C-alpha atoms as a PDB file:
ATOM      1  CA  MET A   1       0.000   0.000   0.000  1.00  0.00           C
ATOM      2  CA  PRO A   2       1.211   3.575  -0.504  1.00  0.00           C
ATOM      3  CA  LEU A   3       2.665   5.389   2.507  1.00  0.00           C
ATOM      4  CA  ILE A   4      -0.225   7.872   2.387  1.00  0.00           C
ATOM      5  CA  MET A   5      -2.486   5.075   3.732  1.00  0.00           C
ATOM      6  CA  ALA A   6      -0.237   4.156   6.695  1.00  0.00           C
ATOM      7  CA  ARG A   7      -1.443   4.914  10.211  1.00  0.00           C
ATOM      8  CA  THR A   8       0.219   7.544  12.376  1.00  0.00           C
ATOM      9  CA  GLY A   9       2.696   6.030  14.838  1.00  0.00           C
ATOM     10  CA  GLU A  10       2.855   2.668  13.076  1.00  0.00           C
ATOM     11  CA  CYS A  11       6.278   1.424  11.960  1.00  0.00           C
ATOM     12  CA  ASN A  12       6.341   0.195   8.345  1.00  0.00           C
ATOM     13  CA  THR A  13       8.996  -1.192   6.020  1.00  0.00           C
ATOM     14  CA  ILE A  14       9.573   0.355   2.598  1.00  0.00           C
ATOM     15  CA  ILE A  15       8.911  -2.309  -0.049  1.00  0.00           C
ATOM     16  CA  ARG A  16       9.605  -0.245  -3.170  1.00  0.00           C
ATOM     17  CA  ILE A  17       9.672   3.267  -4.560  1.00  0.00           C
ATOM     18  CA  THR A  18       7.896   4.020  -7.821  1.00  0.00           C
ATOM     19  CA  GLY A  19       8.380   6.890 -10.266  1.00  0.00           C
ATOM     20  CA  LYS A  20      11.072   8.243 -12.534  1.00  0.00           C
ATOM     21  CA  ASP A  21      14.750   7.582 -11.851  1.00  0.00           C
ATOM     22  CA  GLU A  22      15.221  11.196 -10.734  1.00  0.00           C
ATOM     23  CA  THR A  23      12.451  10.845  -8.162  1.00  0.00           C
ATOM     24  CA  LYS A  24      13.830   7.549  -6.869  1.00  0.00           C
ATOM     25  CA  ARG A  25      17.314   9.026  -6.552  1.00  0.00           C
ATOM     26  CA  PHE A  26      15.962  12.106  -4.745  1.00  0.00           C
ATOM     27  CA  LEU A  27      14.118   9.948  -2.199  1.00  0.00           C
ATOM     28  CA  GLU A  28      17.116   7.616  -1.758  1.00  0.00           C
ATOM     29  CA  ASN A  29      19.341  10.605  -1.015  1.00  0.00           C
ATOM     30  CA  MET A  30      16.898  11.621   1.720  1.00  0.00           C
ATOM     31  CA  GLY A  31      17.136   8.133   3.282  1.00  0.00           C
ATOM     32  CA  PHE A  32      14.102   6.419   1.749  1.00  0.00           C
ATOM     33  CA  ILE A  33      15.606   3.073   0.741  1.00  0.00           C
ATOM     34  CA  THR A  34      14.005  -0.317   0.085  1.00  0.00           C
ATOM     35  CA  GLY A  35      13.950  -2.346   3.290  1.00  0.00           C
ATOM     36  CA  GLY A  36      14.225   0.715   5.526  1.00  0.00           C
ATOM     37  CA  ASP A  37      11.858   1.342   8.426  1.00  0.00           C
ATOM     38  CA  ILE A  38       9.573   4.381   8.293  1.00  0.00           C
ATOM     39  CA  THR A  39       7.099   5.775  10.823  1.00  0.00           C
ATOM     40  CA  VAL A  40       4.429   8.391  10.108  1.00  0.00           C
ATOM     41  CA  VAL A  41       4.690  11.105  12.773  1.00  0.00           C
ATOM     42  CA  SER A  42       1.830  13.297  11.544  1.00  0.00           C
ATOM     43  CA  GLU A  43      -0.340  13.959   8.501  1.00  0.00           C
ATOM     44  CA  MET A  44      -2.123  17.148   7.485  1.00  0.00           C
ATOM     45  CA  GLY A  45      -3.973  17.496   4.199  1.00  0.00           C
ATOM     46  CA  GLY A  46      -2.069  14.563   2.711  1.00  0.00           C
ATOM     47  CA  ASN A  47       1.352  16.051   3.436  1.00  0.00           C
ATOM     48  CA  MET A  48       3.301  14.006   5.962  1.00  0.00           C
ATOM     49  CA  ILE A  49       6.049  14.190   8.518  1.00  0.00           C
ATOM     50  CA  VAL A  50       7.823  10.858   8.762  1.00  0.00           C
ATOM     51  CA  ASN A  51      10.612   9.462  10.893  1.00  0.00           C
ATOM     52  CA  ILE A  52      13.277   7.675   8.880  1.00  0.00           C
ATOM     53  CA  LYS A  53      16.685   6.670  10.221  1.00  0.00           C
ATOM     54  CA  GLY A  54      16.071   8.741  13.364  1.00  0.00           C
ATOM     55  CA  THR A  55      15.371  11.918  11.384  1.00  0.00           C
ATOM     56  CA  ARG A  56      12.053  13.652  10.792  1.00  0.00           C
ATOM     57  CA  VAL A  57      11.390  14.523   7.160  1.00  0.00           C
ATOM     58  CA  ALA A  58       8.415  16.348   5.619  1.00  0.00           C
ATOM     59  CA  ILE A  59       7.162  14.984   2.297  1.00  0.00           C
ATOM     60  CA  SER A  60       4.318  15.949   0.008  1.00  0.00           C
ATOM     61  CA  LYS A  61       1.274  13.836  -0.744  1.00  0.00           C
ATOM     62  CA  SER A  62       2.580  13.044  -4.242  1.00  0.00           C
ATOM     63  CA  MET A  63       5.923  11.792  -2.855  1.00  0.00           C
ATOM     64  CA  ALA A  64       4.156   9.717  -0.179  1.00  0.00           C
ATOM     65  CA  ASN A  65       2.090   8.046  -2.916  1.00  0.00           C
ATOM     66  CA  ARG A  66       5.327   6.858  -4.596  1.00  0.00           C
ATOM     67  CA  ILE A  67       6.569   5.056  -1.461  1.00  0.00           C
ATOM     68  CA  MET A  68       5.087   1.569  -1.060  1.00  0.00           C
ATOM     69  CA  VAL A  69       5.098  -0.006   2.397  1.00  0.00           C
END
């Protein structure tokens, strides 16, 4: 399922990242890698704050839809 559907506070594992190579590379540089753990901290209007590798990162709704957990 896409990350946008994950519950707040629930730890998930990234299964794959979809999109163009540029998008995948951008997300990988921010720490979003296949097999990595990700937790949704909060969600407002589809935009999310997530905890990945001990760091909080804000991502847009469109980016969250590209991350499959």
